Amino acid sequence: MKKPPAYWNNAKRILSKRDPVLRKIINKFNKGFLTTRKDPFFFIM
């Protein structure tokens, strides 16, 4: 698994403070992080 971007932990902390809904989601899925597939036109149906 890749490492999260350098800004990831700071962004999670800021979003958790400002948005109660995102706080619950971030706490529930704390270990993961978003990443790109490198192909913006890839679509799964």
N, C-alpha and C. Protein backbone atom coordinates (compact mmCIF):
# COMPACT_ATOMS: atom_id res chain seq x y z
N MET A 1 0.83 -1.18 0.00
CA MET A 1 0.00 0.00 0.00
C MET A 1 0.88 1.25 0.00
N LYS A 2 0.48 2.23 -0.76
CA LYS A 2 1.22 3.48 -0.82
C LYS A 2 1.06 4.26 0.48
N LYS A 3 1.91 5.25 0.65
CA LYS A 3 1.81 6.14 1.80
C LYS A 3 0.85 7.28 1.46
N PRO A 4 0.14 7.80 2.47
CA PRO A 4 -0.74 8.94 2.20
C PRO A 4 0.08 10.19 1.88
N PRO A 5 -0.54 11.16 1.20
CA PRO A 5 0.17 12.41 0.91
C PRO A 5 0.58 13.12 2.19
N ALA A 6 1.56 13.98 2.11
CA ALA A 6 2.09 14.67 3.28
C ALA A 6 1.02 15.51 3.99
N TYR A 7 0.08 16.06 3.25
CA TYR A 7 -0.95 16.92 3.83
C TYR A 7 -2.12 16.15 4.44
N TRP A 8 -2.16 14.84 4.28
CA TRP A 8 -3.34 14.05 4.62
C TRP A 8 -3.74 14.16 6.10
N ASN A 9 -2.82 13.95 7.01
CA ASN A 9 -3.18 13.98 8.43
C ASN A 9 -3.63 15.37 8.87
N ASN A 10 -2.99 16.41 8.36
CA ASN A 10 -3.41 17.77 8.68
C ASN A 10 -4.82 18.05 8.15
N ALA A 11 -5.10 17.61 6.94
CA ALA A 11 -6.42 17.81 6.35
C ALA A 11 -7.49 17.07 7.14
N LYS A 12 -7.22 15.84 7.57
CA LYS A 12 -8.18 15.09 8.38
C LYS A 12 -8.48 15.80 9.69
N ARG A 13 -7.46 16.34 10.31
CA ARG A 13 -7.62 17.03 11.59
C ARG A 13 -8.49 18.28 11.41
N ILE A 14 -8.20 19.07 10.38
CA ILE A 14 -8.96 20.30 10.13
C ILE A 14 -10.42 19.97 9.78
N LEU A 15 -10.62 19.00 8.89
CA LEU A 15 -11.99 18.64 8.51
C LEU A 15 -12.77 18.07 9.69
N SER A 16 -12.12 17.30 10.54
CA SER A 16 -12.79 16.74 11.71
C SER A 16 -13.25 17.82 12.68
N LYS A 17 -12.49 18.88 12.78
CA LYS A 17 -12.87 19.99 13.67
C LYS A 17 -14.04 20.78 13.11
N ARG A 18 -14.13 20.90 11.80
CA ARG A 18 -15.11 21.79 11.18
C ARG A 18 -16.43 21.13 10.80
N ASP A 19 -16.42 19.83 10.56
CA ASP A 19 -17.62 19.17 10.05
C ASP A 19 -17.93 17.92 10.86
N PRO A 20 -19.05 17.90 11.60
CA PRO A 20 -19.37 16.74 12.44
C PRO A 20 -19.66 15.46 11.64
N VAL A 21 -20.20 15.60 10.44
CA VAL A 21 -20.49 14.42 9.62
C VAL A 21 -19.18 13.81 9.13
N LEU A 22 -18.28 14.66 8.61
CA LEU A 22 -16.98 14.15 8.17
C LEU A 22 -16.19 13.58 9.33
N ARG A 23 -16.33 14.16 10.51
CA ARG A 23 -15.63 13.64 11.70
C ARG A 23 -15.99 12.18 11.94
N LYS A 24 -17.28 11.85 11.82
CA LYS A 24 -17.72 10.46 12.01
C LYS A 24 -17.14 9.54 10.94
N ILE A 25 -17.14 10.01 9.70
CA ILE A 25 -16.61 9.20 8.59
C ILE A 25 -15.11 9.01 8.75
N ILE A 26 -14.40 10.08 9.07
CA ILE A 26 -12.95 10.00 9.23
C ILE A 26 -12.59 9.06 10.38
N ASN A 27 -13.33 9.14 11.48
CA ASN A 27 -13.06 8.25 12.61
C ASN A 27 -13.36 6.79 12.28
N LYS A 28 -14.40 6.57 11.48
CA LYS A 28 -14.77 5.20 11.12
C LYS A 28 -13.76 4.56 10.17
N PHE A 29 -13.22 5.34 9.23
CA PHE A 29 -12.29 4.84 8.23
C PHE A 29 -10.92 5.50 8.39
N ASN A 30 -10.42 5.54 9.59
CA ASN A 30 -9.23 6.30 9.94
C ASN A 30 -7.95 5.82 9.25
N LYS A 31 -7.83 4.55 8.96
CA LYS A 31 -6.56 4.02 8.44
C LYS A 31 -6.37 4.21 6.94
N GLY A 32 -7.44 4.45 6.21
CA GLY A 32 -7.34 4.56 4.76
C GLY A 32 -7.07 5.98 4.30
N PHE A 33 -6.85 6.12 3.00
CA PHE A 33 -6.70 7.42 2.38
C PHE A 33 -7.10 7.31 0.92
N LEU A 34 -7.47 8.46 0.35
CA LEU A 34 -7.88 8.50 -1.05
C LEU A 34 -6.67 8.52 -1.95
N THR A 35 -6.83 7.94 -3.12
CA THR A 35 -5.75 7.94 -4.11
C THR A 35 -6.37 7.97 -5.50
N THR A 36 -5.59 8.26 -6.49
CA THR A 36 -6.07 8.29 -7.87
C THR A 36 -5.70 7.00 -8.58
N ARG A 37 -6.41 6.72 -9.64
CA ARG A 37 -6.10 5.55 -10.47
C ARG A 37 -5.22 5.93 -11.63
N LYS A 38 -4.83 7.17 -11.72
CA LYS A 38 -3.96 7.70 -12.78
C LYS A 38 -4.64 7.82 -14.13
N ASP A 39 -5.90 7.40 -14.27
CA ASP A 39 -6.62 7.50 -15.53
C ASP A 39 -7.97 8.20 -15.27
N PRO A 40 -8.07 9.51 -15.56
CA PRO A 40 -9.30 10.24 -15.23
C PRO A 40 -10.51 9.79 -16.04
N PHE A 41 -10.31 9.04 -17.11
CA PHE A 41 -11.43 8.62 -17.94
C PHE A 41 -11.85 7.18 -17.68
N PHE A 42 -11.28 6.55 -16.67
CA PHE A 42 -11.64 5.19 -16.30
C PHE A 42 -12.97 5.21 -15.56
N PHE A 43 -13.91 4.37 -15.97
CA PHE A 43 -15.22 4.33 -15.34
C PHE A 43 -15.66 2.89 -15.17
N ILE A 44 -16.16 2.56 -13.99
CA ILE A 44 -16.65 1.20 -13.72
C ILE A 44 -18.16 1.26 -13.62
N MET A 45 -18.84 0.35 -14.34
CA MET A 45 -20.30 0.30 -14.25
C MET A 45 -20.73 -0.89 -13.46
